[in-house]
Protein backbone atom coordinates (compact mmCIF):
# COMPACT_ATOMS: atom_id res chain seq x y z
CA MET A 1 98.85 -21.22 197.66
CA LYS A 2 95.09 -20.95 197.09
CA ALA A 3 95.19 -17.41 198.45
CA LEU A 4 97.84 -16.43 195.91
CA LEU A 5 95.92 -17.75 192.89
CA PRO A 6 93.39 -14.85 192.74
CA LEU A 7 96.23 -12.33 193.08
CA LEU A 8 98.20 -13.97 190.27
CA LEU A 9 95.14 -13.98 188.02
CA LEU A 10 94.48 -10.33 188.81
CA ALA A 11 98.09 -9.41 188.07
CA ALA A 12 97.98 -11.32 184.76
CA CYS A 13 94.81 -9.49 183.73
CA ALA A 14 96.31 -6.10 184.58
CA THR A 15 99.44 -6.90 182.58
CA TRP A 16 97.38 -8.04 179.58
CA ASP A 17 95.26 -4.85 179.66
CA GLN A 18 98.38 -2.67 179.69
CA ALA A 19 99.87 -4.56 176.74
CA ALA A 20 96.63 -4.39 174.76
CA ALA A 21 96.12 -0.64 175.27
CA PRO A 22 98.91 0.55 172.92
CA ALA A 23 97.76 -1.85 170.22
CA ALA A 24 94.23 -0.46 170.39
CA SER A 25 95.40 3.16 170.24
CA SER A 26 97.71 2.47 167.29
CA ALA A 27 94.92 0.91 165.23
CA ARG A 28 94.95 1.93 161.60
CA GLN A 29 93.00 5.01 160.70
CA CYS A 30 90.87 4.44 157.62
CA PHE A 31 88.49 6.43 155.46
CA ARG A 32 85.98 5.73 152.73
CA PRO A 33 86.71 7.23 149.30
CA ALA A 34 83.08 8.38 149.08
CA ASP A 35 83.61 10.55 152.19
CA VAL A 36 86.43 12.63 150.68
CA SER A 37 85.25 16.23 150.56
CA GLY A 38 88.32 17.99 149.17
CA PHE A 39 92.02 17.79 148.43
CA ARG A 40 95.16 19.93 148.39
CA PRO A 41 98.28 18.88 146.53
CA VAL A 42 101.49 19.50 148.46
CA ASP A 43 103.73 18.61 145.54
CA ARG A 44 103.85 16.01 142.76
CA ASN A 45 104.39 13.23 145.33
CA THR A 46 101.99 14.18 148.12
CA VAL A 47 98.28 14.99 148.37
CA ILE A 48 96.24 15.85 151.45
CA VAL A 49 92.60 14.83 151.34
CA SER A 50 89.86 16.17 153.58
CA VAL A 51 87.38 13.64 154.87
CA GLY A 52 84.40 15.38 156.36
CA PRO A 53 84.83 18.63 158.27
CA ARG A 54 87.67 17.53 160.57
CA ASP A 55 89.75 14.66 159.23
CA ARG A 56 92.83 15.05 157.02
CA PHE A 57 94.92 12.30 155.46
CA ARG A 58 98.30 12.56 153.75
CA LEU A 59 98.60 10.37 150.65
CA ASP A 60 102.18 9.71 149.59
CA LEU A 61 102.35 8.60 145.97
CA MET A 62 104.64 5.84 144.67
CA ALA A 63 106.02 8.13 141.96
CA PRO A 64 105.54 11.74 140.94
CA CYS A 65 102.11 12.43 139.52
CA PRO A 66 102.84 15.35 137.17
CA ASP A 67 99.33 16.72 136.84
CA VAL A 68 98.09 16.36 140.41
CA ASN A 69 99.29 19.77 141.58
CA TRP A 70 97.51 21.50 138.68
CA SER A 71 94.23 19.61 138.92
CA GLU A 72 91.03 21.21 140.10
CA ARG A 73 89.68 17.78 140.94
CA ILE A 74 90.93 14.25 141.37
CA GLY A 75 89.39 10.83 141.76
CA ILE A 76 90.30 8.21 144.32
CA ARG A 77 89.85 4.61 143.33
CA SER A 78 90.09 1.69 145.72
CA PRO A 79 89.28 -2.01 145.37
CA THR A 80 88.04 -1.92 148.97
CA MET A 81 85.38 0.13 150.71
CA ARG A 82 87.97 1.65 153.08
CA ILE A 83 91.41 3.09 152.50
CA CYS A 84 93.76 2.17 155.33
CA THR A 85 97.15 1.74 153.64
CA GLY A 86 98.76 3.01 150.50
CA LEU A 87 98.20 -0.20 148.63
CA ASP A 88 94.45 0.32 149.07
CA ALA A 89 94.20 3.30 146.72
CA GLU A 90 95.22 5.21 143.64
CA ILE A 91 94.61 8.78 142.61
CA ILE A 92 93.23 9.58 139.19
CA ALA A 93 94.28 13.01 137.93
CA PRO A 94 93.11 14.50 134.66
CA SER A 95 95.76 15.44 132.13
CA SER A 96 95.90 16.74 128.58
CA ILE A 97 96.35 13.18 127.27
CA GLY A 98 93.66 11.59 129.43
CA PRO A 99 93.33 10.47 133.04
CA ARG A 100 96.60 9.60 134.79
CA THR A 101 96.59 6.90 137.46
CA CYS A 102 98.93 7.46 140.41
CA PRO A 103 99.24 4.63 142.97
CA VAL A 104 99.36 5.60 146.63
CA ARG A 105 102.33 4.32 148.67
CA ALA A 106 101.34 5.40 152.19
CA VAL A 107 98.38 6.89 154.07
CA THR A 108 98.90 8.96 157.22
CA ARG A 109 96.22 10.63 159.34
CA LEU A 110 97.07 14.26 160.13
CA THR A 111 95.77 16.87 162.49
CA ARG A 112 94.47 20.05 160.91
CA GLU A 113 97.62 21.86 162.11
CA GLU A 114 99.93 19.25 160.56
CA ALA A 115 98.05 19.45 157.25
CA ASP A 116 98.16 23.26 157.24
CA ALA A 117 101.91 23.26 158.00
CA LEU A 118 102.58 20.76 155.24
CA ILE A 119 100.58 22.79 152.70
CA ALA A 120 102.36 25.98 153.80
CA GLY A 121 105.74 24.35 153.20
CA GLY A 122 106.62 23.35 156.75
CA SER A 123 108.28 20.14 157.79
CA PRO A 124 106.17 17.19 156.69
CA PRO A 125 105.37 14.54 159.30
CA GLN A 126 107.08 11.26 158.55
CA PRO A 127 104.81 8.37 157.50
């Protein structure tokens, strides 16, 4: 029995490591609003923001934001230092009657290819 105890402990550790690996890889991807370097509206409900030279994030809005696809610039406001979920942020788009606030529903990290396809009118990845 004593000889089996180290093997059982080793097996338990291996099982725990395998279970923890997917959780670590599916960790939320976050960004800081101050690091946003550009944006591209897809339509009135979706905006892709560039964060640094490589990272792209899809922001799905709670409702159509009429002026976002005509704006040359937008603001991103967040009560936190990092945006990880839709409830963490809102877009501020200028309009002829003053700034319009558009709450974000979902945030999805994209590859450059996914972002380019979405902007070009391809199939959007599901959040």
